[in-house]
Amino acid sequence: MQITEVRVFMKEGQDKKLKAYATVTFDNAFVVRNIKVIEGQKGLFVAMPSRKMKEPCPKCNFKNVVRSKYCNNCGSGLNCIPRPAAKNPEDEAKERQAEHKDIAHPITLEFRELIQKKVLDAFDTEKKKGPAPAKGAEYAEEED
């Protein structure tokens, strides 16, 4: 399986950790979107697309995001057990990870490293290009 295309979309705004999103195409036949480029404590890394885990309301059975206090359907209080504050940042990160489940992910370490290398290389290339010009900027210069 070959990675045939990597597109990187730089994240705008003040988010300090999330730097970009990437779309990776495999064999010109399969696409994985919403791969995240994140600034971690040890540098940049790639996070695979994920979704928040849900659990049912005991009253109406509506699926609510894990650790919700109230049901989004019937409004009743959910029996969420308050968790003690994490003692260190690593424990806190593990708790957050447990609330999400990967939608797509590589099975082997070698393939994960290949994806990460290709995405981070494309991220570096996109970063060197600088910010894209604002829409209509080319016309603003002509009006002067």
C-alpha atoms as a PDB file:
ATOM      1  CA  MET A   1       0.000   0.000   0.000  1.00  0.00           C
ATOM      2  CA  GLN A   2       1.359   3.374  -1.043  1.00  0.00           C
ATOM      3  CA  ILE A   3       0.569   6.844   0.258  1.00  0.00           C
ATOM      4  CA  THR A   4      -0.148   8.658  -3.000  1.00  0.00           C
ATOM      5  CA  GLU A   5      -1.143  12.095  -1.679  1.00  0.00           C
ATOM      6  CA  VAL A   6      -0.992  14.113   1.523  1.00  0.00           C
ATOM      7  CA  ARG A   7      -2.797  17.433   1.844  1.00  0.00           C
ATOM      8  CA  VAL A   8      -2.280  19.623   4.884  1.00  0.00           C
ATOM      9  CA  PHE A   9      -4.679  22.333   6.025  1.00  0.00           C
ATOM     10  CA  MET A  10      -3.082  24.696   8.514  1.00  0.00           C
ATOM     11  CA  LYS A  11      -5.189  25.511  11.555  1.00  0.00           C
ATOM     12  CA  GLU A  12      -6.021  29.160  12.013  1.00  0.00           C
ATOM     13  CA  GLY A  13      -6.608  30.686  15.414  1.00  0.00           C
ATOM     14  CA  GLN A  14      -5.026  30.608  18.816  1.00  0.00           C
ATOM     15  CA  ASP A  15      -5.141  26.859  19.539  1.00  0.00           C
ATOM     16  CA  LYS A  16      -1.669  26.204  20.852  1.00  0.00           C
ATOM     17  CA  LYS A  17      -1.605  22.426  20.389  1.00  0.00           C
ATOM     18  CA  LEU A  18      -3.601  21.656  17.226  1.00  0.00           C
ATOM     19  CA  LYS A  19      -1.476  22.874  14.314  1.00  0.00           C
ATOM     20  CA  ALA A  20      -3.145  21.391  11.225  1.00  0.00           C
ATOM     21  CA  TYR A  21      -5.445  18.789   9.716  1.00  0.00           C
ATOM     22  CA  ALA A  22      -4.317  16.370   7.022  1.00  0.00           C
ATOM     23  CA  THR A  23      -6.001  14.260   4.364  1.00  0.00           C
ATOM     24  CA  VAL A  24      -4.075  11.166   3.261  1.00  0.00           C
ATOM     25  CA  THR A  25      -4.825   9.212   0.075  1.00  0.00           C
ATOM     26  CA  PHE A  26      -3.761   5.566  -0.268  1.00  0.00           C
ATOM     27  CA  ASP A  27      -3.195   3.950  -3.693  1.00  0.00           C
ATOM     28  CA  ASN A  28      -5.251   6.723  -5.349  1.00  0.00           C
ATOM     29  CA  ALA A  29      -8.269   4.789  -4.074  1.00  0.00           C
ATOM     30  CA  PHE A  30      -8.884   5.389  -0.342  1.00  0.00           C
ATOM     31  CA  VAL A  31      -8.900   8.642   1.660  1.00  0.00           C
ATOM     32  CA  VAL A  32      -8.591   9.270   5.403  1.00  0.00           C
ATOM     33  CA  ARG A  33      -9.552  12.790   6.490  1.00  0.00           C
ATOM     34  CA  ASN A  34      -9.166  14.715   9.744  1.00  0.00           C
ATOM     35  CA  ILE A  35      -5.776  13.392  10.732  1.00  0.00           C
ATOM     36  CA  LYS A  36      -4.514  15.950  13.245  1.00  0.00           C
ATOM     37  CA  VAL A  37      -1.019  17.422  13.591  1.00  0.00           C
ATOM     38  CA  ILE A  38      -0.546  18.203  17.279  1.00  0.00           C
ATOM     39  CA  GLU A  39       2.252  19.899  19.215  1.00  0.00           C
ATOM     40  CA  GLY A  40       3.002  17.652  22.187  1.00  0.00           C
ATOM     41  CA  GLN A  41       5.531  17.886  24.995  1.00  0.00           C
ATOM     42  CA  LYS A  42       8.065  15.948  22.895  1.00  0.00           C
ATOM     43  CA  GLY A  43       7.352  17.709  19.584  1.00  0.00           C
ATOM     44  CA  LEU A  44       4.901  17.256  16.738  1.00  0.00           C
ATOM     45  CA  PHE A  45       2.921  14.059  16.340  1.00  0.00           C
ATOM     46  CA  VAL A  46       0.004  12.788  14.293  1.00  0.00           C
ATOM     47  CA  ALA A  47      -3.348  11.811  15.838  1.00  0.00           C
ATOM     48  CA  MET A  48      -5.731   9.672  13.840  1.00  0.00           C
ATOM     49  CA  PRO A  49      -9.364  10.737  13.308  1.00  0.00           C
ATOM     50  CA  SER A  50     -11.551   9.893  16.280  1.00  0.00           C
ATOM     51  CA  ARG A  51     -14.992  10.379  17.752  1.00  0.00           C
ATOM     52  CA  LYS A  52     -16.187  10.938  21.288  1.00  0.00           C
ATOM     53  CA  MET A  53     -17.461   7.888  23.108  1.00  0.00           C
ATOM     54  CA  LYS A  54     -21.119   7.907  24.155  1.00  0.00           C
ATOM     55  CA  GLU A  55     -23.122   6.204  26.884  1.00  0.00           C
ATOM     56  CA  PRO A  56     -26.909   5.843  27.188  1.00  0.00           C
ATOM     57  CA  CYS A  57     -29.143   7.834  29.548  1.00  0.00           C
ATOM     58  CA  PRO A  58     -30.648   5.423  32.102  1.00  0.00           C
ATOM     59  CA  LYS A  59     -34.047   7.149  31.761  1.00  0.00           C
ATOM     60  CA  CYS A  60     -34.578   7.593  27.987  1.00  0.00           C
ATOM     61  CA  ASN A  61     -31.627   5.613  26.552  1.00  0.00           C
ATOM     62  CA  PHE A  62     -30.382   8.621  24.511  1.00  0.00           C
ATOM     63  CA  LYS A  63     -26.651   8.382  23.768  1.00  0.00           C
ATOM     64  CA  ASN A  64     -24.748  11.203  25.484  1.00  0.00           C
ATOM     65  CA  VAL A  65     -21.045  12.042  25.387  1.00  0.00           C
ATOM     66  CA  VAL A  66     -19.093  10.286  28.157  1.00  0.00           C
ATOM     67  CA  ARG A  67     -18.922  12.356  31.383  1.00  0.00           C
ATOM     68  CA  SER A  68     -21.983  14.476  30.494  1.00  0.00           C
ATOM     69  CA  LYS A  69     -23.832  15.727  33.573  1.00  0.00           C
ATOM     70  CA  TYR A  70     -27.283  15.945  31.961  1.00  0.00           C
ATOM     71  CA  CYS A  71     -29.063  14.095  29.167  1.00  0.00           C
ATOM     72  CA  ASN A  72     -29.281  16.081  25.924  1.00  0.00           C
ATOM     73  CA  ASN A  73     -32.680  14.520  25.193  1.00  0.00           C
ATOM     74  CA  CYS A  74     -34.712  14.415  28.431  1.00  0.00           C
ATOM     75  CA  GLY A  75     -32.603  16.715  30.616  1.00  0.00           C
ATOM     76  CA  SER A  76     -32.388  14.324  33.539  1.00  0.00           C
ATOM     77  CA  GLY A  77     -29.194  14.196  35.558  1.00  0.00           C
ATOM     78  CA  LEU A  78     -26.817  11.446  34.589  1.00  0.00           C
ATOM     79  CA  ASN A  79     -25.174   9.299  37.205  1.00  0.00           C
ATOM     80  CA  CYS A  80     -21.682  10.324  36.298  1.00  0.00           C
ATOM     81  CA  ILE A  81     -19.266   9.632  39.077  1.00  0.00           C
ATOM     82  CA  PRO A  82     -16.987  12.601  39.664  1.00  0.00           C
ATOM     83  CA  ARG A  83     -13.451  11.545  38.980  1.00  0.00           C
ATOM     84  CA  PRO A  84     -10.607  12.772  41.165  1.00  0.00           C
ATOM     85  CA  ALA A  85      -8.362  15.355  39.571  1.00  0.00           C
ATOM     86  CA  ALA A  86      -5.446  13.849  37.699  1.00  0.00           C
ATOM     87  CA  LYS A  87      -2.202  14.056  39.620  1.00  0.00           C
ATOM     88  CA  ASN A  88      -0.017  14.717  36.594  1.00  0.00           C
ATOM     89  CA  PRO A  89      -0.468  15.779  32.957  1.00  0.00           C
ATOM     90  CA  GLU A  90       0.184  12.254  31.644  1.00  0.00           C
ATOM     91  CA  ASP A  91      -2.730  10.819  33.679  1.00  0.00           C
ATOM     92  CA  GLU A  92      -4.978  13.650  32.487  1.00  0.00           C
ATOM     93  CA  ALA A  93      -4.043  12.957  28.863  1.00  0.00           C
ATOM     94  CA  LYS A  94      -4.816   9.239  29.311  1.00  0.00           C
ATOM     95  CA  GLU A  95      -8.269  10.095  30.725  1.00  0.00           C
ATOM     96  CA  ARG A  96      -9.035  12.305  27.713  1.00  0.00           C
ATOM     97  CA  GLN A  97      -7.843   9.579  25.333  1.00  0.00           C
ATOM     98  CA  ALA A  98     -10.216   7.099  26.963  1.00  0.00           C
ATOM     99  CA  GLU A  99     -13.126   9.393  26.007  1.00  0.00           C
ATOM    100  CA  HIS A 100     -12.285   9.081  22.292  1.00  0.00           C
ATOM    101  CA  LYS A 101     -12.088   6.124  19.928  1.00  0.00           C
ATOM    102  CA  ASP A 102     -10.115   6.096  16.677  1.00  0.00           C
ATOM    103  CA  ILE A 103     -12.218   5.808  13.531  1.00  0.00           C
ATOM    104  CA  ALA A 104      -9.291   4.668  11.391  1.00  0.00           C
ATOM    105  CA  HIS A 105      -5.797   3.747  12.486  1.00  0.00           C
ATOM    106  CA  PRO A 106      -2.747   1.806  11.327  1.00  0.00           C
ATOM    107  CA  ILE A 107      -2.286  -1.668  12.744  1.00  0.00           C
ATOM    108  CA  THR A 108       1.515  -1.838  12.691  1.00  0.00           C
ATOM    109  CA  LEU A 109       4.058   0.504  14.222  1.00  0.00           C
ATOM    110  CA  GLU A 110       5.924   0.665  10.903  1.00  0.00           C
ATOM    111  CA  PHE A 111       2.864   1.895   9.012  1.00  0.00           C
ATOM    112  CA  ARG A 112       2.028   4.418  11.760  1.00  0.00           C
ATOM    113  CA  GLU A 113       5.579   5.784  11.489  1.00  0.00           C
ATOM    114  CA  LEU A 114       5.277   5.989   7.690  1.00  0.00           C
ATOM    115  CA  ILE A 115       2.026   7.960   7.928  1.00  0.00           C
ATOM    116  CA  GLN A 116       3.494  10.236  10.578  1.00  0.00           C
ATOM    117  CA  LYS A 117       6.629  10.903   8.512  1.00  0.00           C
ATOM    118  CA  LYS A 118       4.667  11.698   5.330  1.00  0.00           C
ATOM    119  CA  VAL A 119       2.176  13.960   7.153  1.00  0.00           C
ATOM    120  CA  LEU A 120       4.854  15.836   9.103  1.00  0.00           C
ATOM    121  CA  ASP A 121       6.952  16.301   5.936  1.00  0.00           C
ATOM    122  CA  ALA A 122       3.897  17.769   4.178  1.00  0.00           C
ATOM    123  CA  PHE A 123       3.221  19.926   7.259  1.00  0.00           C
ATOM    124  CA  ASP A 124       6.775  21.324   7.143  1.00  0.00           C
ATOM    125  CA  THR A 125       6.393  22.094   3.424  1.00  0.00           C
ATOM    126  CA  GLU A 126       3.068  23.855   4.006  1.00  0.00           C
ATOM    127  CA  LYS A 127       4.457  25.779   6.973  1.00  0.00           C
ATOM    128  CA  LYS A 128       7.345  27.089   4.839  1.00  0.00           C
ATOM    129  CA  LYS A 129       4.869  28.435   2.285  1.00  0.00           C
ATOM    130  CA  GLY A 130       3.490  30.785   4.931  1.00  0.00           C
ATOM    131  CA  PRO A 131      -0.115  31.871   5.377  1.00  0.00           C
ATOM    132  CA  ALA A 132      -2.343  31.859   2.305  1.00  0.00           C
ATOM    133  CA  PRO A 133      -3.286  35.325   1.058  1.00  0.00           C
ATOM    134  CA  ALA A 134      -6.696  36.533   2.176  1.00  0.00           C
ATOM    135  CA  LYS A 135      -9.478  36.185  -0.379  1.00  0.00           C
ATOM    136  CA  GLY A 136      -9.717  39.313  -2.428  1.00  0.00           C
ATOM    137  CA  ALA A 137      -6.239  40.526  -1.373  1.00  0.00           C
ATOM    138  CA  GLU A 138      -5.022  40.623  -4.974  1.00  0.00           C
ATOM    139  CA  TYR A 139      -7.779  43.127  -5.807  1.00  0.00           C
ATOM    140  CA  ALA A 140      -7.092  45.344  -2.786  1.00  0.00           C
ATOM    141  CA  GLU A 141      -3.666  46.302  -4.173  1.00  0.00           C
ATOM    142  CA  GLU A 142      -5.141  47.387  -7.504  1.00  0.00           C
ATOM    143  CA  GLU A 143      -7.615  49.807  -5.860  1.00  0.00           C
ATOM    144  CA  ASP A 144      -4.816  52.028  -4.432  1.00  0.00           C
END
